[in-house]
N, C-alpha and C. Protein backbone atom coordinates (compact mmCIF):
# COMPACT_ATOMS: atom_id res chain seq x y z
N MET A 1 0.78 -1.13 0.18
CA MET A 1 0.07 -0.03 0.16
C MET A 1 0.60 1.46 0.09
N ARG A 2 1.76 1.15 0.82
CA ARG A 2 2.70 2.71 1.00
C ARG A 2 3.64 2.48 -0.37
N ASN A 3 3.20 1.63 -1.47
CA ASN A 3 4.32 2.10 -3.06
C ASN A 3 2.93 3.03 -4.01
N ILE A 4 1.43 2.59 -3.26
CA ILE A 4 0.89 3.13 -4.22
C ILE A 4 0.57 4.65 -4.28
N GLU A 5 1.06 4.94 -2.76
CA GLU A 5 1.02 6.68 -2.08
C GLU A 5 1.96 6.88 -2.55
N LYS A 6 2.94 6.38 -2.73
CA LYS A 6 4.13 7.23 -2.94
C LYS A 6 3.69 7.63 -4.49
N ILE A 7 3.35 6.35 -5.49
CA ILE A 7 3.01 7.22 -6.39
C ILE A 7 2.44 8.10 -6.86
N ILE A 8 1.08 8.21 -6.04
CA ILE A 8 0.48 9.21 -6.07
C ILE A 8 0.40 10.60 -5.45
N LYS A 9 1.65 10.39 -4.71
CA LYS A 9 2.53 11.88 -4.44
C LYS A 9 3.13 12.16 -5.59
N GLU A 10 4.13 10.96 -6.02
CA GLU A 10 4.73 11.71 -7.07
C GLU A 10 3.73 12.38 -8.30
N VAL A 11 2.33 11.61 -8.77
CA VAL A 11 1.68 11.88 -9.92
C VAL A 11 1.65 13.28 -9.64
N ASN A 12 0.84 13.29 -8.16
CA ASN A 12 -0.29 14.78 -7.91
C ASN A 12 1.10 15.95 -7.71
N GLY A 13 2.66 15.55 -7.82
CA GLY A 13 3.69 16.77 -7.70
C GLY A 13 3.60 17.43 -9.18
N SER A 14 3.70 16.30 -9.89
CA SER A 14 3.66 16.41 -11.23
C SER A 14 2.95 17.38 -12.16
N MET A 15 1.43 16.69 -11.39
CA MET A 15 0.21 17.67 -12.00
C MET A 15 -0.17 18.96 -11.41
N ALA A 16 0.66 19.08 -10.52
CA ALA A 16 0.77 20.41 -9.93
C ALA A 16 1.40 21.49 -10.22
N MET A 17 2.63 20.80 -10.56
CA MET A 17 3.25 21.86 -11.62
C MET A 17 2.77 22.28 -12.47
N GLU A 18 1.81 21.35 -13.43
CA GLU A 18 1.38 21.95 -14.68
C GLU A 18 0.18 22.59 -14.07
N GLY A 19 -0.52 22.81 -12.82
CA GLY A 19 -1.39 23.44 -12.53
C GLY A 19 -3.02 22.57 -12.31
N MET A 20 -3.04 21.64 -12.29
CA MET A 20 -3.78 20.42 -12.16
C MET A 20 -3.67 19.18 -11.13
N PRO A 21 -3.45 19.76 -10.06
CA PRO A 21 -3.29 18.94 -9.07
C PRO A 21 -4.05 17.52 -8.69
N LEU A 22 -3.96 16.53 -8.62
CA LEU A 22 -4.97 15.70 -8.54
C LEU A 22 -6.06 16.30 -7.17
N THR A 23 -7.59 15.96 -7.68
CA THR A 23 -8.11 15.58 -6.56
C THR A 23 -8.59 14.80 -5.74
N GLU A 24 -9.14 14.52 -4.65
CA GLU A 24 -9.66 13.57 -3.80
C GLU A 24 -10.14 12.29 -4.45
N ASP A 25 -10.84 12.56 -5.69
CA ASP A 25 -11.59 11.40 -6.42
C ASP A 25 -10.62 10.81 -7.25
N ASP A 26 -9.55 11.90 -8.20
CA ASP A 26 -8.67 10.89 -8.50
C ASP A 26 -7.54 9.78 -7.81
N LYS A 27 -7.46 10.55 -6.89
CA LYS A 27 -6.66 9.88 -6.04
C LYS A 27 -7.23 8.71 -5.49
N ASN A 28 -8.41 8.72 -5.36
CA ASN A 28 -8.97 7.29 -4.64
C ASN A 28 -9.19 6.32 -5.94
N ARG A 29 -9.58 6.95 -7.23
CA ARG A 29 -9.31 5.98 -8.44
C ARG A 29 -7.84 5.36 -8.43
N MET A 30 -7.28 6.17 -8.44
CA MET A 30 -5.25 5.62 -8.66
C MET A 30 -5.71 4.16 -7.09
N ARG A 31 -5.96 4.21 -6.08
CA ARG A 31 -6.08 3.41 -5.07
C ARG A 31 -6.77 2.28 -5.70
N LEU A 32 -8.28 2.48 -6.12
CA LEU A 32 -8.95 1.68 -6.54
C LEU A 32 -8.54 0.68 -7.99
N CYS A 33 -7.80 1.37 -8.59
CA CYS A 33 -7.20 0.54 -10.01
C CYS A 33 -6.12 -0.08 -9.85
N ALA A 34 -5.20 0.09 -8.87
CA ALA A 34 -3.80 -0.07 -8.67
C ALA A 34 -3.25 -1.45 -9.00
N GLY A 35 -3.26 -1.74 -9.83
CA GLY A 35 -2.44 -3.44 -10.01
C GLY A 35 -3.29 -3.96 -10.90
N ASP A 36 -4.40 -3.55 -11.34
CA ASP A 36 -5.97 -4.46 -11.67
C ASP A 36 -5.73 -3.65 -12.80
N ARG A 37 -5.24 -4.37 -14.22
CA ARG A 37 -5.34 -3.64 -16.06
C ARG A 37 -6.98 -3.59 -16.26
N ASP A 38 -7.67 -4.31 -15.44
CA ASP A 38 -9.57 -4.70 -15.95
C ASP A 38 -10.12 -3.40 -15.36
N LYS A 39 -9.41 -3.24 -14.13
CA LYS A 39 -10.21 -2.46 -13.41
C LYS A 39 -9.61 -0.95 -14.22
N VAL A 40 -8.43 -0.86 -14.71
CA VAL A 40 -7.80 0.44 -15.14
C VAL A 40 -8.89 0.75 -16.15
N ASP A 41 -8.82 -0.09 -17.46
CA ASP A 41 -9.26 0.05 -18.57
C ASP A 41 -10.96 0.16 -18.36
N LYS A 42 -11.61 -0.40 -17.46
CA LYS A 42 -13.16 0.38 -16.96
C LYS A 42 -13.28 1.38 -16.25
N MET A 43 -12.07 1.84 -15.52
CA MET A 43 -12.27 2.73 -15.20
C MET A 43 -12.01 4.13 -16.56
N VAL A 44 -10.97 3.68 -17.14
CA VAL A 44 -10.34 5.10 -17.90
C VAL A 44 -12.00 5.34 -19.17
N SER A 45 -12.66 4.17 -19.15
CA SER A 45 -14.08 3.89 -20.47
C SER A 45 -14.94 4.95 -19.79
N GLU A 46 -14.94 5.20 -18.61
CA GLU A 46 -15.72 5.62 -18.07
C GLU A 46 -15.20 7.07 -17.50
N LEU A 47 -14.55 7.46 -17.70
CA LEU A 47 -13.87 9.05 -17.53
C LEU A 47 -14.31 9.25 -18.64
N ILE A 48 -14.07 8.50 -20.20
CA ILE A 48 -13.95 9.13 -21.36
C ILE A 48 -15.32 9.78 -21.81
N GLU A 49 -16.51 8.33 -21.31
CA GLU A 49 -17.89 8.81 -21.65
C GLU A 49 -18.12 10.24 -20.78
N LYS A 50 -17.85 9.77 -19.14
CA LYS A 50 -18.17 11.04 -18.39
C LYS A 50 -17.87 12.37 -19.22
N HIS A 51 -16.92 12.45 -19.82
CA HIS A 51 -16.43 13.83 -20.24
C HIS A 51 -16.67 14.07 -21.31
N ARG A 52 -17.11 12.87 -22.52
CA ARG A 52 -17.72 12.79 -23.35
C ARG A 52 -19.05 13.86 -23.49
N THR A 53 -19.79 13.12 -22.53
CA THR A 53 -21.13 13.87 -22.21
C THR A 53 -21.34 15.21 -21.61
N LYS A 54 -20.47 15.69 -21.16
CA LYS A 54 -20.16 16.97 -20.49
C LYS A 54 -20.27 17.79 -21.72
N GLU A 55 -19.06 16.81 -22.76
CA GLU A 55 -19.05 18.28 -24.38
C GLU A 55 -19.90 17.96 -25.28
N ILE A 56 -21.07 17.29 -25.36
CA ILE A 56 -22.18 16.74 -26.15
C ILE A 56 -23.25 17.89 -25.49
N LYS A 57 -22.95 18.06 -23.92
CA LYS A 57 -24.26 19.13 -23.28
C LYS A 57 -23.68 20.51 -23.76
N SER A 58 -22.42 20.56 -23.43
CA SER A 58 -22.00 22.03 -23.58
C SER A 58 -22.15 22.45 -24.95
N HIS A 59 -21.79 21.72 -26.44
CA HIS A 59 -21.97 22.09 -27.63
C HIS A 59 -24.02 22.14 -27.80
N GLU A 60 -24.34 21.41 -27.29
CA GLU A 60 -25.77 21.30 -26.83
C GLU A 60 -26.67 23.02 -26.95
N GLN A 61 -26.30 23.23 -25.83
CA GLN A 61 -26.53 24.89 -24.97
C GLN A 61 -25.98 25.51 -25.89
N ARG A 62 -24.93 25.80 -27.11
CA ARG A 62 -24.10 27.45 -27.71
C ARG A 62 -25.34 27.31 -28.67
């Protein structure tokens, strides 16, 4: 478990330098998916769909 926390800290540091620090939801997703490729694939698909839906709604409102 320590390794995933170290990875989260390192990723958060890199993202923060770009002005996009991880949210608690991001960190929890990383913890949930750590070491499980199937969970990673499922989570990526869900996030793509979530943001695609937001983009579609944004275009419809214009």
